[in-house]
Amino acid sequence: MTIHHAPETLLADYASGSATPGLSLLVATHLTYAPEARARVSEFEAIGGAALQAAPQATVSEDLLTATLAALDARPCRSSECEGGADATASVLPRRLRADGDSDVLPAPIRRALNGASPQWRFRLPGVSEAMIDGYDGEQVSLLRARPGASIPQHTHEGREITLIMQGALADGDRVYRRGDVAMNDEHDDHRPRIIGDETCICLIVMEGSLRFTGRFSRALNLLGE
């Protein structure tokens, strides 16, 4: 079975703290499912730490130090920090999400993003519901819940769409994404994902741009999305 991990560039950005808040949430959640990715992030963190130790020391002002510490305090909590290290994220891996996507069984990074509240599911399409996660300026972060057999109408993007599968299976063309897999699409993709198998599919999605429907009924669907 093919495993679709997050790209190494995204893991490296996460390890260095340069990933956007939405993508940091997605990678932190991905790490709860993917021990290989956790190990790779630990390697990137070790490399970054060694590079800092080897760099010549520089004197900084007290104001700069205070501002830097304040920025670190305000930064979204990364999984490897909040759970006591990259390996510790394995302890928060849920056995199976319920069909309603109840927050009690969602991975710890998402529970923190929801401030412990339950997702507010809203109907989007037959068999498909979505729950927005607020507080990510410039990114659209949401949970998607889709019943077996449901499909998303054909569409493309005006930016990247990164999807983490947390339960169930999603087919997109000749690729199948399962629990813990990451799918990435952009303006070069015109696709129609569909849910396969007999299990409700629950995903975390981060969109950096808008979505545009291209298939049948695309005009009406695009008008509804405005």
C-alpha atoms as a PDB file:
ATOM      1  CA  MET A   1       0.000   0.000   0.000  1.00  0.00           C
ATOM      2  CA  THR A   2       1.389   3.401  -0.975  1.00  0.00           C
ATOM      3  CA  ILE A   3       1.902   5.827   1.927  1.00  0.00           C
ATOM      4  CA  HIS A   4       1.574   9.538   1.170  1.00  0.00           C
ATOM      5  CA  HIS A   5       3.576  11.464   3.757  1.00  0.00           C
ATOM      6  CA  ALA A   6       3.782  15.234   3.968  1.00  0.00           C
ATOM      7  CA  PRO A   7       6.532  16.571   1.636  1.00  0.00           C
ATOM      8  CA  GLU A   8       9.934  16.978   3.242  1.00  0.00           C
ATOM      9  CA  THR A   9       9.909  20.708   2.498  1.00  0.00           C
ATOM     10  CA  LEU A  10       6.762  21.033   4.628  1.00  0.00           C
ATOM     11  CA  LEU A  11       8.262  18.915   7.431  1.00  0.00           C
ATOM     12  CA  ALA A  12      11.418  21.051   7.349  1.00  0.00           C
ATOM     13  CA  ASP A  13       9.394  24.278   7.510  1.00  0.00           C
ATOM     14  CA  TYR A  14       7.472  22.867  10.469  1.00  0.00           C
ATOM     15  CA  ALA A  15      10.662  21.839  12.276  1.00  0.00           C
ATOM     16  CA  SER A  16      12.188  25.297  11.775  1.00  0.00           C
ATOM     17  CA  GLY A  17       9.020  27.100  12.860  1.00  0.00           C
ATOM     18  CA  SER A  18       8.589  28.804   9.482  1.00  0.00           C
ATOM     19  CA  ALA A  19       5.411  26.957   8.411  1.00  0.00           C
ATOM     20  CA  THR A  20       2.186  28.969   8.458  1.00  0.00           C
ATOM     21  CA  PRO A  21      -0.150  28.395  11.434  1.00  0.00           C
ATOM     22  CA  GLY A  22      -2.607  26.352   9.362  1.00  0.00           C
ATOM     23  CA  LEU A  23       0.092  24.122   7.908  1.00  0.00           C
ATOM     24  CA  SER A  24       1.695  23.789  11.346  1.00  0.00           C
ATOM     25  CA  LEU A  25      -1.616  22.438  12.618  1.00  0.00           C
ATOM     26  CA  LEU A  26      -1.846  20.001   9.717  1.00  0.00           C
ATOM     27  CA  VAL A  27       1.723  18.720  10.152  1.00  0.00           C
ATOM     28  CA  ALA A  28       1.337  18.413  13.942  1.00  0.00           C
ATOM     29  CA  THR A  29      -1.771  16.299  13.345  1.00  0.00           C
ATOM     30  CA  HIS A  30      -0.035  14.282  10.609  1.00  0.00           C
ATOM     31  CA  LEU A  31       2.748  13.437  13.078  1.00  0.00           C
ATOM     32  CA  THR A  32       0.247  11.691  15.362  1.00  0.00           C
ATOM     33  CA  TYR A  33      -0.293   9.147  12.568  1.00  0.00           C
ATOM     34  CA  ALA A  34       3.121   8.904  10.908  1.00  0.00           C
ATOM     35  CA  PRO A  35       6.119   7.701  12.987  1.00  0.00           C
ATOM     36  CA  GLU A  36       8.414   8.059   9.965  1.00  0.00           C
ATOM     37  CA  ALA A  37       7.468  11.720   9.628  1.00  0.00           C
ATOM     38  CA  ARG A  38       7.994  12.249  13.376  1.00  0.00           C
ATOM     39  CA  ALA A  39      11.482  10.806  13.059  1.00  0.00           C
ATOM     40  CA  ARG A  40      12.223  13.048  10.069  1.00  0.00           C
ATOM     41  CA  VAL A  41      11.051  16.154  11.948  1.00  0.00           C
ATOM     42  CA  SER A  42      13.314  15.180  14.863  1.00  0.00           C
ATOM     43  CA  GLU A  43      16.232  14.956  12.401  1.00  0.00           C
ATOM     44  CA  PHE A  44      15.459  18.400  10.994  1.00  0.00           C
ATOM     45  CA  GLU A  45      15.232  19.820  14.523  1.00  0.00           C
ATOM     46  CA  ALA A  46      18.599  18.275  15.420  1.00  0.00           C
ATOM     47  CA  ILE A  47      20.187  19.706  12.277  1.00  0.00           C
ATOM     48  CA  GLY A  48      18.764  23.127  13.068  1.00  0.00           C
ATOM     49  CA  GLY A  49      20.022  22.931  16.646  1.00  0.00           C
ATOM     50  CA  ALA A  50      23.518  21.962  15.498  1.00  0.00           C
ATOM     51  CA  ALA A  51      23.560  24.819  13.011  1.00  0.00           C
ATOM     52  CA  LEU A  52      22.623  27.291  15.741  1.00  0.00           C
ATOM     53  CA  GLN A  53      25.372  26.010  18.024  1.00  0.00           C
ATOM     54  CA  ALA A  54      27.931  26.333  15.245  1.00  0.00           C
ATOM     55  CA  ALA A  55      26.899  29.873  14.319  1.00  0.00           C
ATOM     56  CA  PRO A  56      28.986  32.747  15.696  1.00  0.00           C
ATOM     57  CA  GLN A  57      27.412  34.405  18.718  1.00  0.00           C
ATOM     58  CA  ALA A  58      26.041  37.903  18.320  1.00  0.00           C
ATOM     59  CA  THR A  59      25.081  40.502  20.883  1.00  0.00           C
ATOM     60  CA  VAL A  60      21.422  41.550  20.727  1.00  0.00           C
ATOM     61  CA  SER A  61      19.538  44.299  22.473  1.00  0.00           C
ATOM     62  CA  GLU A  62      17.242  43.586  25.412  1.00  0.00           C
ATOM     63  CA  ASP A  63      14.279  44.911  23.382  1.00  0.00           C
ATOM     64  CA  LEU A  64      14.923  42.402  20.593  1.00  0.00           C
ATOM     65  CA  LEU A  65      15.152  39.511  23.050  1.00  0.00           C
ATOM     66  CA  THR A  66      11.879  40.533  24.720  1.00  0.00           C
ATOM     67  CA  ALA A  67      10.097  40.852  21.367  1.00  0.00           C
ATOM     68  CA  THR A  68      11.389  37.462  20.225  1.00  0.00           C
ATOM     69  CA  LEU A  69      10.249  35.714  23.403  1.00  0.00           C
ATOM     70  CA  ALA A  70       6.823  37.341  23.098  1.00  0.00           C
ATOM     71  CA  ALA A  71       6.515  36.139  19.488  1.00  0.00           C
ATOM     72  CA  LEU A  72       7.420  32.600  20.529  1.00  0.00           C
ATOM     73  CA  ASP A  73       4.784  32.669  23.269  1.00  0.00           C
ATOM     74  CA  ALA A  74       2.137  33.753  20.744  1.00  0.00           C
ATOM     75  CA  ARG A  75       3.114  31.107  18.181  1.00  0.00           C
ATOM     76  CA  PRO A  76       0.689  28.183  17.755  1.00  0.00           C
ATOM     77  CA  CYS A  77       1.797  25.228  19.842  1.00  0.00           C
ATOM     78  CA  ARG A  78       3.526  22.554  17.794  1.00  0.00           C
ATOM     79  CA  SER A  79       2.822  18.901  18.493  1.00  0.00           C
ATOM     80  CA  SER A  80       6.413  18.035  19.341  1.00  0.00           C
ATOM     81  CA  GLU A  81       6.523  20.894  21.872  1.00  0.00           C
ATOM     82  CA  CYS A  82       3.133  20.453  23.494  1.00  0.00           C
ATOM     83  CA  GLU A  83       3.323  16.684  23.857  1.00  0.00           C
ATOM     84  CA  GLY A  84       6.869  16.532  25.180  1.00  0.00           C
ATOM     85  CA  GLY A  85       8.770  15.602  22.043  1.00  0.00           C
ATOM     86  CA  ALA A  86       8.158  14.113  18.609  1.00  0.00           C
ATOM     87  CA  ASP A  87       7.875  10.541  19.889  1.00  0.00           C
ATOM     88  CA  ALA A  88       5.281  11.510  22.485  1.00  0.00           C
ATOM     89  CA  THR A  89       2.715  12.383  19.819  1.00  0.00           C
ATOM     90  CA  ALA A  90       2.086   8.660  19.392  1.00  0.00           C
ATOM     91  CA  SER A  91       0.254   8.655  22.718  1.00  0.00           C
ATOM     92  CA  VAL A  92      -2.503  10.939  21.375  1.00  0.00           C
ATOM     93  CA  LEU A  93      -3.288   8.835  18.311  1.00  0.00           C
ATOM     94  CA  PRO A  94      -7.031   8.039  18.320  1.00  0.00           C
ATOM     95  CA  ARG A  95      -8.000   4.439  17.596  1.00  0.00           C
ATOM     96  CA  ARG A  96     -10.945   5.456  15.419  1.00  0.00           C
ATOM     97  CA  LEU A  97     -12.983   8.612  14.968  1.00  0.00           C
ATOM     98  CA  ARG A  98     -16.710   8.392  15.420  1.00  0.00           C
ATOM     99  CA  ALA A  99     -18.863   9.112  12.380  1.00  0.00           C
ATOM    100  CA  ASP A 100     -19.862  12.462  13.913  1.00  0.00           C
ATOM    101  CA  GLY A 101     -16.226  13.556  14.267  1.00  0.00           C
ATOM    102  CA  ASP A 102     -16.712  14.254  17.985  1.00  0.00           C
ATOM    103  CA  SER A 103     -13.894  16.406  19.373  1.00  0.00           C
ATOM    104  CA  ASP A 104     -13.281  13.955  22.240  1.00  0.00           C
ATOM    105  CA  VAL A 105     -11.632  11.531  19.829  1.00  0.00           C
ATOM    106  CA  LEU A 106      -9.937  13.996  17.488  1.00  0.00           C
ATOM    107  CA  PRO A 107      -6.111  14.204  17.650  1.00  0.00           C
ATOM    108  CA  ALA A 108      -4.750  16.492  20.357  1.00  0.00           C
ATOM    109  CA  PRO A 109      -3.541  19.294  18.010  1.00  0.00           C
ATOM    110  CA  ILE A 110      -7.054  19.678  16.580  1.00  0.00           C
ATOM    111  CA  ARG A 111      -8.678  19.583  20.019  1.00  0.00           C
ATOM    112  CA  ARG A 112      -6.406  22.458  21.004  1.00  0.00           C
ATOM    113  CA  ALA A 113      -7.275  24.361  17.826  1.00  0.00           C
ATOM    114  CA  LEU A 114     -10.972  23.949  18.668  1.00  0.00           C
ATOM    115  CA  ASN A 115     -10.320  25.003  22.280  1.00  0.00           C
ATOM    116  CA  GLY A 116     -11.907  21.747  23.409  1.00  0.00           C
ATOM    117  CA  ALA A 117     -15.224  22.490  21.684  1.00  0.00           C
ATOM    118  CA  SER A 118     -17.028  20.096  19.355  1.00  0.00           C
ATOM    119  CA  PRO A 119     -16.834  20.788  15.609  1.00  0.00           C
ATOM    120  CA  GLN A 120     -19.762  22.815  14.288  1.00  0.00           C
ATOM    121  CA  TRP A 121     -20.726  20.742  11.266  1.00  0.00           C
ATOM    122  CA  ARG A 122     -22.580  22.422   8.394  1.00  0.00           C
ATOM    123  CA  PHE A 123     -24.114  20.805   5.329  1.00  0.00           C
ATOM    124  CA  ARG A 124     -22.112  21.419   2.140  1.00  0.00           C
ATOM    125  CA  LEU A 125     -23.195  18.732  -0.338  1.00  0.00           C
ATOM    126  CA  PRO A 126     -25.222  15.525  -0.119  1.00  0.00           C
ATOM    127  CA  GLY A 127     -23.273  13.303   2.257  1.00  0.00           C
ATOM    128  CA  VAL A 128     -20.662  16.009   2.940  1.00  0.00           C
ATOM    129  CA  SER A 129     -20.397  18.341   5.957  1.00  0.00           C
ATOM    130  CA  GLU A 130     -17.721  20.846   6.943  1.00  0.00           C
ATOM    131  CA  ALA A 131     -16.642  22.445  10.225  1.00  0.00           C
ATOM    132  CA  MET A 132     -14.528  25.590   9.997  1.00  0.00           C
ATOM    133  CA  ILE A 133     -11.628  26.191  12.398  1.00  0.00           C
ATOM    134  CA  ASP A 134     -11.247  29.927  12.937  1.00  0.00           C
ATOM    135  CA  GLY A 135      -8.187  32.017  13.693  1.00  0.00           C
ATOM    136  CA  TYR A 136      -5.999  31.335  10.634  1.00  0.00           C
ATOM    137  CA  ASP A 137      -5.667  34.579   8.674  1.00  0.00           C
ATOM    138  CA  GLY A 138      -4.869  34.026   5.003  1.00  0.00           C
ATOM    139  CA  GLU A 139      -5.708  30.318   5.227  1.00  0.00           C
ATOM    140  CA  GLN A 140      -8.992  28.430   5.255  1.00  0.00           C
ATOM    141  CA  VAL A 141      -8.741  25.616   7.778  1.00  0.00           C
ATOM    142  CA  SER A 142     -11.577  23.133   8.195  1.00  0.00           C
ATOM    143  CA  LEU A 143     -12.634  19.596   8.986  1.00  0.00           C
ATOM    144  CA  LEU A 144     -14.494  17.708   6.281  1.00  0.00           C
ATOM    145  CA  ARG A 145     -16.784  14.758   6.968  1.00  0.00           C
ATOM    146  CA  ALA A 146     -17.990  12.663   4.019  1.00  0.00           C
ATOM    147  CA  ARG A 147     -20.132   9.544   3.988  1.00  0.00           C
ATOM    148  CA  PRO A 148     -19.125   6.394   2.058  1.00  0.00           C
ATOM    149  CA  GLY A 149     -19.832   6.848  -1.651  1.00  0.00           C
ATOM    150  CA  ALA A 150     -19.913  10.654  -1.459  1.00  0.00           C
ATOM    151  CA  SER A 151     -17.850  12.716  -3.886  1.00  0.00           C
ATOM    152  CA  ILE A 152     -16.693  16.304  -4.234  1.00  0.00           C
ATOM    153  CA  PRO A 153     -17.707  17.871  -7.585  1.00  0.00           C
ATOM    154  CA  GLN A 154     -14.866  18.386 -10.041  1.00  0.00           C
ATOM    155  CA  HIS A 155     -12.853  21.474  -9.177  1.00  0.00           C
ATOM    156  CA  THR A 156      -9.504  23.221  -9.303  1.00  0.00           C
ATOM    157  CA  HIS A 157      -7.768  25.744  -7.042  1.00  0.00           C
ATOM    158  CA  GLU A 158      -6.253  29.216  -7.018  1.00  0.00           C
ATOM    159  CA  GLY A 159      -3.663  28.123  -4.469  1.00  0.00           C
ATOM    160  CA  ARG A 160      -2.599  25.008  -2.645  1.00  0.00           C
ATOM    161  CA  GLU A 161      -5.059  22.657  -0.970  1.00  0.00           C
ATOM    162  CA  ILE A 162      -3.470  20.303   1.571  1.00  0.00           C
ATOM    163  CA  THR A 163      -5.635  17.484   2.924  1.00  0.00           C
ATOM    164  CA  LEU A 164      -4.876  15.105   5.800  1.00  0.00           C
ATOM    165  CA  ILE A 165      -6.980  11.945   5.953  1.00  0.00           C
ATOM    166  CA  MET A 166      -7.791  11.092   9.570  1.00  0.00           C
ATOM    167  CA  GLN A 167     -10.312   8.337   8.943  1.00  0.00           C
ATOM    168  CA  GLY A 168     -11.635   6.383   5.978  1.00  0.00           C
ATOM    169  CA  ALA A 169     -10.255   6.427   2.447  1.00  0.00           C
ATOM    170  CA  LEU A 170     -10.357   8.952  -0.374  1.00  0.00           C
ATOM    171  CA  ALA A 171      -9.659   8.196  -4.037  1.00  0.00           C
ATOM    172  CA  ASP A 172      -8.412  10.941  -6.344  1.00  0.00           C
ATOM    173  CA  GLY A 173      -7.700   9.754  -9.868  1.00  0.00           C
ATOM    174  CA  ASP A 174      -5.455   6.702  -9.578  1.00  0.00           C
ATOM    175  CA  ARG A 175      -4.306   7.584  -6.051  1.00  0.00           C
ATOM    176  CA  VAL A 176      -5.889   6.341  -2.832  1.00  0.00           C
ATOM    177  CA  TYR A 177      -5.310   8.225   0.418  1.00  0.00           C
ATOM    178  CA  ARG A 178      -5.928   6.560   3.766  1.00  0.00           C
ATOM    179  CA  ARG A 179      -5.629   7.336   7.458  1.00  0.00           C
ATOM    180  CA  GLY A 180      -2.568   9.529   8.064  1.00  0.00           C
ATOM    181  CA  ASP A 181      -1.939  10.305   4.375  1.00  0.00           C
ATOM    182  CA  VAL A 182      -1.479  13.839   3.031  1.00  0.00           C
ATOM    183  CA  ALA A 183      -2.776  14.930  -0.399  1.00  0.00           C
ATOM    184  CA  MET A 184      -1.621  18.160  -2.049  1.00  0.00           C
ATOM    185  CA  ASN A 185      -3.331  19.888  -4.984  1.00  0.00           C
ATOM    186  CA  ASP A 186      -2.967  23.280  -6.657  1.00  0.00           C
ATOM    187  CA  GLU A 187      -3.980  25.246  -9.754  1.00  0.00           C
ATOM    188  CA  HIS A 188      -2.497  22.537 -11.987  1.00  0.00           C
ATOM    189  CA  ASP A 189      -4.988  19.946 -10.717  1.00  0.00           C
ATOM    190  CA  ASP A 190      -8.571  19.570 -11.908  1.00  0.00           C
ATOM    191  CA  HIS A 191      -9.921  16.691  -9.869  1.00  0.00           C
ATOM    192  CA  ARG A 192     -12.970  14.983  -8.363  1.00  0.00           C
ATOM    193  CA  PRO A 193     -12.160  13.213  -5.079  1.00  0.00           C
ATOM    194  CA  ARG A 194     -14.539  10.485  -3.932  1.00  0.00           C
ATOM    195  CA  ILE A 195     -14.954   8.479  -0.733  1.00  0.00           C
ATOM    196  CA  ILE A 196     -14.339   4.759  -1.069  1.00  0.00           C
ATOM    197  CA  GLY A 197     -14.861   1.888   1.340  1.00  0.00           C
ATOM    198  CA  ASP A 198     -17.570   1.596   3.986  1.00  0.00           C
ATOM    199  CA  GLU A 199     -16.213   4.057   6.561  1.00  0.00           C
ATOM    200  CA  THR A 200     -17.034   7.739   7.003  1.00  0.00           C
ATOM    201  CA  CYS A 201     -14.074   9.827   5.835  1.00  0.00           C
ATOM    202  CA  ILE A 202     -12.906  12.670   8.084  1.00  0.00           C
ATOM    203  CA  CYS A 203     -10.206  15.052   6.864  1.00  0.00           C
ATOM    204  CA  LEU A 204      -8.359  18.172   7.936  1.00  0.00           C
ATOM    205  CA  ILE A 205      -8.028  20.626   5.034  1.00  0.00           C
ATOM    206  CA  VAL A 206      -5.876  23.738   4.699  1.00  0.00           C
ATOM    207  CA  MET A 207      -6.559  25.939   1.668  1.00  0.00           C
ATOM    208  CA  GLU A 208      -4.260  28.806   0.713  1.00  0.00           C
ATOM    209  CA  GLY A 209      -6.546  30.090  -2.029  1.00  0.00           C
ATOM    210  CA  SER A 210     -10.080  29.747  -3.310  1.00  0.00           C
ATOM    211  CA  LEU A 211     -11.708  26.715  -4.910  1.00  0.00           C
ATOM    212  CA  ARG A 212     -13.404  26.817  -8.333  1.00  0.00           C
ATOM    213  CA  PHE A 213     -15.802  24.134  -9.580  1.00  0.00           C
ATOM    214  CA  THR A 214     -15.211  23.071 -13.180  1.00  0.00           C
ATOM    215  CA  GLY A 215     -17.494  20.111 -13.896  1.00  0.00           C
ATOM    216  CA  ARG A 216     -21.231  19.676 -14.301  1.00  0.00           C
ATOM    217  CA  PHE A 217     -23.320  22.367 -12.594  1.00  0.00           C
ATOM    218  CA  SER A 218     -20.085  24.309 -11.986  1.00  0.00           C
ATOM    219  CA  ARG A 219     -21.714  27.693 -12.617  1.00  0.00           C
ATOM    220  CA  ALA A 220     -24.386  27.133  -9.980  1.00  0.00           C
ATOM    221  CA  LEU A 221     -21.900  25.667  -7.499  1.00  0.00           C
ATOM    222  CA  ASN A 222     -19.513  28.584  -7.939  1.00  0.00           C
ATOM    223  CA  LEU A 223     -22.350  31.050  -7.368  1.00  0.00           C
ATOM    224  CA  LEU A 224     -23.310  29.226  -4.157  1.00  0.00           C
ATOM    225  CA  GLY A 225     -19.732  29.476  -2.945  1.00  0.00           C
ATOM    226  CA  GLU A 226     -19.514  33.243  -3.386  1.00  0.00           C
END
